[in-house]
């Protein structure tokens, strides 16, 4: 039996508490990176290459993924 709305089922799988925390952390990191780059560019304090502005958010995502994998691997049964 196929579900009527695939989008609703996909969103219900994505919309968990753990995923909300990860997304909020990534958005916060991205916001801080963009605001730091914008302020640095306007004040002339530091030259920022706008192509690499997403690297901190990706690093945070990798740390969260690795931490979750290690936590699940060494979980006591």
N, C-alpha and C. Protein backbone atom coordinates (compact mmCIF):
# COMPACT_ATOMS: atom_id res chain seq x y z
N UNK A 1 0.84 -1.18 0.00
CA UNK A 1 0.00 0.00 0.00
C UNK A 1 0.89 1.25 0.00
N UNK A 2 0.69 2.13 -0.95
CA UNK A 2 1.49 3.32 -1.08
C UNK A 2 0.86 4.48 -0.31
N UNK A 3 1.70 5.29 0.32
CA UNK A 3 1.14 6.47 1.01
C UNK A 3 0.60 7.48 -0.01
N UNK A 4 -0.40 8.21 0.41
CA UNK A 4 -1.03 9.17 -0.49
C UNK A 4 -0.12 10.36 -0.78
N UNK A 5 0.55 10.82 0.22
CA UNK A 5 1.36 12.01 0.05
C UNK A 5 2.79 11.70 0.46
N UNK A 6 3.67 11.56 -0.51
CA UNK A 6 5.07 11.22 -0.21
C UNK A 6 5.79 12.35 0.49
N UNK A 7 5.41 13.57 0.17
CA UNK A 7 6.06 14.72 0.80
C UNK A 7 5.77 14.76 2.29
N UNK A 8 4.56 14.45 2.68
CA UNK A 8 4.20 14.46 4.11
C UNK A 8 4.96 13.38 4.87
N UNK A 9 5.12 12.22 4.27
CA UNK A 9 5.85 11.16 4.95
C UNK A 9 7.33 11.49 5.05
N UNK A 10 7.87 12.12 4.01
CA UNK A 10 9.28 12.52 4.04
C UNK A 10 9.50 13.59 5.09
N UNK A 11 8.61 14.56 5.17
CA UNK A 11 8.76 15.61 6.17
C UNK A 11 8.60 15.08 7.59
N UNK A 12 7.75 14.09 7.77
CA UNK A 12 7.59 13.54 9.11
C UNK A 12 8.84 12.78 9.55
N UNK A 13 9.57 12.19 8.59
CA UNK A 13 10.82 11.52 8.94
C UNK A 13 11.93 12.53 9.22
N UNK A 14 11.93 13.64 8.50
CA UNK A 14 12.96 14.66 8.68
C UNK A 14 12.70 15.49 9.92
N UNK A 15 11.46 15.72 10.26
CA UNK A 15 11.07 16.64 11.33
C UNK A 15 11.13 15.97 12.69
N UNK A 16 12.34 15.56 13.11
CA UNK A 16 12.53 14.99 14.44
C UNK A 16 13.25 16.00 15.32
N UNK A 17 13.28 15.74 16.60
CA UNK A 17 13.91 16.66 17.54
C UNK A 17 15.40 16.77 17.28
N UNK A 18 16.06 15.66 17.03
CA UNK A 18 17.50 15.68 16.77
C UNK A 18 17.81 16.48 15.50
N UNK A 19 17.02 16.29 14.46
CA UNK A 19 17.25 17.02 13.21
C UNK A 19 17.00 18.50 13.37
N UNK A 20 16.03 18.87 14.19
CA UNK A 20 15.77 20.29 14.43
C UNK A 20 16.97 20.95 15.11
N UNK A 21 17.58 20.25 16.05
CA UNK A 21 18.75 20.78 16.75
C UNK A 21 19.91 20.94 15.78
N UNK A 22 20.12 19.97 14.92
CA UNK A 22 21.20 20.04 13.94
C UNK A 22 20.97 21.20 12.98
N UNK A 23 19.76 21.35 12.49
CA UNK A 23 19.47 22.43 11.55
C UNK A 23 19.63 23.80 12.21
N UNK A 24 19.17 23.94 13.45
CA UNK A 24 19.33 25.22 14.14
C UNK A 24 20.81 25.53 14.36
N UNK A 25 21.61 24.52 14.68
CA UNK A 25 23.04 24.73 14.88
C UNK A 25 23.71 25.15 13.59
N UNK A 26 23.35 24.50 12.48
CA UNK A 26 23.93 24.87 11.19
C UNK A 26 23.52 26.27 10.77
N UNK A 27 22.26 26.63 10.96
CA UNK A 27 21.82 27.97 10.60
C UNK A 27 22.50 29.04 11.46
N UNK A 28 22.69 28.75 12.74
CA UNK A 28 23.38 29.68 13.62
C UNK A 28 24.82 29.87 13.17
N UNK A 29 25.50 28.78 12.85
CA UNK A 29 26.88 28.86 12.39
C UNK A 29 26.97 29.61 11.07
N UNK A 30 26.05 29.35 10.17
CA UNK A 30 26.03 30.04 8.89
C UNK A 30 25.76 31.54 9.08
N UNK A 31 24.82 31.88 9.94
CA UNK A 31 24.51 33.27 10.23
C UNK A 31 25.71 33.99 10.83
N UNK A 32 26.40 33.34 11.76
CA UNK A 32 27.57 33.96 12.37
C UNK A 32 28.70 34.15 11.35
N UNK A 33 28.87 33.18 10.47
CA UNK A 33 29.90 33.29 9.44
C UNK A 33 29.61 34.44 8.48
N UNK A 34 28.37 34.53 8.04
CA UNK A 34 27.99 35.59 7.10
C UNK A 34 28.09 36.96 7.76
N UNK A 35 27.63 37.07 9.00
CA UNK A 35 27.70 38.37 9.67
C UNK A 35 29.14 38.77 9.95
N UNK A 36 30.01 37.83 10.33
CA UNK A 36 31.42 38.14 10.52
C UNK A 36 32.06 38.59 9.22
N UNK A 37 31.76 37.88 8.13
CA UNK A 37 32.33 38.25 6.83
C UNK A 37 31.81 39.61 6.37
N UNK A 38 30.55 39.88 6.58
CA UNK A 38 29.96 41.15 6.16
C UNK A 38 30.57 42.32 6.94
N UNK A 39 30.69 42.16 8.26
CA UNK A 39 31.26 43.22 9.08
C UNK A 39 32.73 43.43 8.74
N UNK A 40 33.46 42.35 8.52
CA UNK A 40 34.87 42.47 8.17
C UNK A 40 35.04 43.15 6.82
N UNK A 41 34.17 42.84 5.89
CA UNK A 41 34.24 43.46 4.57
C UNK A 41 33.93 44.95 4.64
N UNK A 42 32.93 45.32 5.43
CA UNK A 42 32.54 46.73 5.52
C UNK A 42 33.57 47.58 6.26
N UNK A 43 34.20 47.01 7.27
CA UNK A 43 35.18 47.78 8.04
C UNK A 43 36.56 47.75 7.39
N UNK A 44 36.78 46.82 6.47
CA UNK A 44 38.09 46.70 5.84
C UNK A 44 39.11 46.01 6.70
N UNK A 45 38.66 45.36 7.77
CA UNK A 45 39.56 44.70 8.70
C UNK A 45 40.19 43.45 8.11
N UNK A 46 39.40 42.73 7.31
CA UNK A 46 39.86 41.46 6.78
C UNK A 46 39.21 41.24 5.43
N UNK A 47 39.97 40.75 4.47
CA UNK A 47 39.43 40.42 3.16
C UNK A 47 38.86 39.00 3.22
N UNK A 48 37.60 38.86 2.88
CA UNK A 48 36.91 37.57 2.94
C UNK A 48 36.59 37.11 1.53
N UNK A 49 36.91 35.87 1.24
CA UNK A 49 36.50 35.27 -0.03
C UNK A 49 35.11 34.68 0.21
N UNK A 50 34.12 35.20 -0.48
CA UNK A 50 32.73 34.82 -0.23
C UNK A 50 32.42 33.40 -0.69
N UNK A 51 33.33 32.79 -1.44
CA UNK A 51 33.09 31.41 -1.89
C UNK A 51 33.25 30.41 -0.74
N UNK A 52 34.05 30.76 0.25
CA UNK A 52 34.33 29.81 1.33
C UNK A 52 33.53 30.11 2.59
N UNK A 53 32.47 30.88 2.47
CA UNK A 53 31.70 31.29 3.64
C UNK A 53 30.92 30.12 4.25
N UNK A 54 30.67 29.06 3.48
CA UNK A 54 29.86 27.94 3.97
C UNK A 54 30.70 26.87 4.67
N UNK A 55 32.00 27.00 4.68
CA UNK A 55 32.86 25.98 5.27
C UNK A 55 32.61 25.79 6.77
N UNK A 56 32.47 26.84 7.59
CA UNK A 56 32.20 26.60 9.01
C UNK A 56 30.91 25.81 9.27
N UNK A 57 29.86 26.08 8.51
CA UNK A 57 28.62 25.32 8.70
C UNK A 57 28.81 23.86 8.32
N UNK A 58 29.58 23.60 7.28
CA UNK A 58 29.86 22.22 6.89
C UNK A 58 30.72 21.51 7.92
N UNK A 59 31.65 22.22 8.52
CA UNK A 59 32.47 21.62 9.58
C UNK A 59 31.63 21.26 10.80
N UNK A 60 30.71 22.13 11.16
CA UNK A 60 29.81 21.84 12.28
C UNK A 60 28.96 20.61 11.97
N UNK A 61 28.46 20.51 10.74
CA UNK A 61 27.67 19.34 10.35
C UNK A 61 28.51 18.07 10.43
N UNK A 62 29.75 18.12 9.98
CA UNK A 62 30.61 16.94 10.06
C UNK A 62 30.88 16.54 11.50
N UNK A 63 31.10 17.51 12.36
CA UNK A 63 31.33 17.20 13.78
C UNK A 63 30.10 16.56 14.40
N UNK A 64 28.92 17.06 14.07
CA UNK A 64 27.69 16.48 14.61
C UNK A 64 27.49 15.06 14.09
N UNK A 65 27.74 14.83 12.82
CA UNK A 65 27.57 13.49 12.24
C UNK A 65 28.56 12.51 12.86
N UNK A 66 29.82 12.90 12.99
CA UNK A 66 30.82 12.01 13.58
C UNK A 66 30.52 11.75 15.05
N UNK A 67 30.13 12.79 15.77
CA UNK A 67 29.78 12.60 17.19
C UNK A 67 28.60 11.67 17.38
N UNK A 68 27.58 11.80 16.53
CA UNK A 68 26.41 10.92 16.62
C UNK A 68 26.78 9.49 16.27
N UNK A 69 27.62 9.32 15.25
CA UNK A 69 28.04 7.97 14.86
C UNK A 69 28.84 7.30 15.96
N UNK A 70 29.74 8.04 16.59
CA UNK A 70 30.52 7.46 17.68
C UNK A 70 29.64 7.15 18.89
N UNK A 71 28.69 8.02 19.17
CA UNK A 71 27.79 7.79 20.30
C UNK A 71 26.95 6.53 20.06
N UNK A 72 26.47 6.36 18.84
CA UNK A 72 25.66 5.18 18.53
C UNK A 72 26.50 3.91 18.50
N UNK A 73 27.77 4.03 18.11
CA UNK A 73 28.62 2.84 18.03
C UNK A 73 28.95 2.31 19.41
N UNK A 74 29.24 3.21 20.34
CA UNK A 74 29.65 2.78 21.68
C UNK A 74 28.52 2.85 22.70
N UNK A 75 27.30 2.81 22.22
CA UNK A 75 26.14 2.84 23.11
C UNK A 75 26.06 1.53 23.89
N UNK A 76 25.79 1.62 25.18
CA UNK A 76 25.66 0.41 26.00
C UNK A 76 24.29 -0.21 25.75
N UNK A 77 24.29 -1.51 25.61
CA UNK A 77 23.04 -2.23 25.34
C UNK A 77 22.46 -2.79 26.61
